[in-house]
């Protein structure tokens, strides 16, 4: 009886340690992935990009593409 109870406590402790380790690792992974995909473009660069993009689209093309 004593051996069974001791073994059950030992298994329960290690299961809790493993669960806590998995939770901590998953939180670290979430923050790492978020940081990888975080935008590094400044607002000044973004506004100049939008302006140049609008200028490009406002130009009229002299060429017409005909589809058959």
Protein backbone atom coordinates (compact mmCIF):
# COMPACT_ATOMS: atom_id res chain seq x y z
CA UNK A 1 0.00 0.00 0.00
CA UNK A 2 2.76 2.41 0.97
CA UNK A 3 4.71 1.69 -2.21
CA UNK A 4 1.62 2.31 -4.39
CA UNK A 5 0.83 5.63 -2.73
CA UNK A 6 4.44 6.80 -3.00
CA UNK A 7 4.57 5.84 -6.64
CA UNK A 8 1.27 7.65 -7.35
CA UNK A 9 2.57 10.88 -5.73
CA UNK A 10 5.81 10.62 -7.71
CA UNK A 11 3.93 10.19 -11.01
CA UNK A 12 1.54 13.03 -10.16
CA UNK A 13 4.44 15.42 -9.37
CA UNK A 14 6.18 14.68 -12.65
CA UNK A 15 2.94 15.03 -14.60
CA UNK A 16 2.41 18.50 -13.07
CA UNK A 17 6.01 19.48 -13.87
CA UNK A 18 5.55 18.37 -17.45
CA UNK A 19 2.27 20.28 -17.81
CA UNK A 20 3.84 23.46 -16.41
CA UNK A 21 6.84 23.05 -18.72
CA UNK A 22 4.55 22.65 -21.75
CA UNK A 23 2.54 25.76 -20.80
CA UNK A 24 5.70 27.84 -20.33
CA UNK A 25 7.16 26.61 -23.63
CA UNK A 26 3.94 27.37 -25.50
CA UNK A 27 3.84 30.91 -24.10
CA UNK A 28 7.46 31.46 -25.14
CA UNK A 29 6.68 30.14 -28.63
CA UNK A 30 3.68 32.45 -29.03
CA UNK A 31 5.71 35.53 -28.13
CA UNK A 32 8.59 34.41 -30.37
CA UNK A 33 6.31 33.89 -33.38
CA UNK A 34 4.57 37.23 -32.76
CA UNK A 35 7.93 38.96 -32.67
CA UNK A 36 8.98 37.30 -35.94
CA UNK A 37 5.93 38.65 -37.76
CA UNK A 38 5.90 42.08 -36.12
CA UNK A 39 5.95 44.89 -38.68
CA UNK A 40 9.11 47.00 -38.62
CA UNK A 41 7.95 49.57 -41.19
CA UNK A 42 7.67 53.02 -39.68
CA UNK A 43 4.65 55.26 -40.25
CA UNK A 44 6.76 57.70 -42.26
CA UNK A 45 7.85 54.94 -44.64
CA UNK A 46 4.31 53.62 -44.92
CA UNK A 47 2.86 57.03 -45.81
CA UNK A 48 5.52 57.65 -48.48
CA UNK A 49 4.85 54.17 -49.89
CA UNK A 50 1.11 54.88 -50.10
CA UNK A 51 1.76 58.21 -51.84
CA UNK A 52 4.04 56.65 -54.46
CA UNK A 53 1.56 53.81 -54.95
CA UNK A 54 -1.28 56.30 -55.53
CA UNK A 55 0.85 58.25 -58.00
CA UNK A 56 1.54 55.04 -59.91
CA UNK A 57 -2.15 54.13 -60.16
CA UNK A 58 -3.21 57.65 -61.18
CA UNK A 59 -0.99 57.59 -64.28
CA UNK A 60 -2.85 56.83 -67.46
CA UNK A 61 -1.51 54.18 -69.78
CA UNK A 62 -1.46 54.70 -73.56
CA UNK A 63 -1.49 50.97 -74.18
CA UNK A 64 -4.62 48.86 -74.35
CA UNK A 65 -4.59 45.09 -73.95
CA UNK A 66 -7.26 43.31 -75.94
CA UNK A 67 -8.43 39.86 -74.89
CA UNK A 68 -9.83 37.42 -77.43
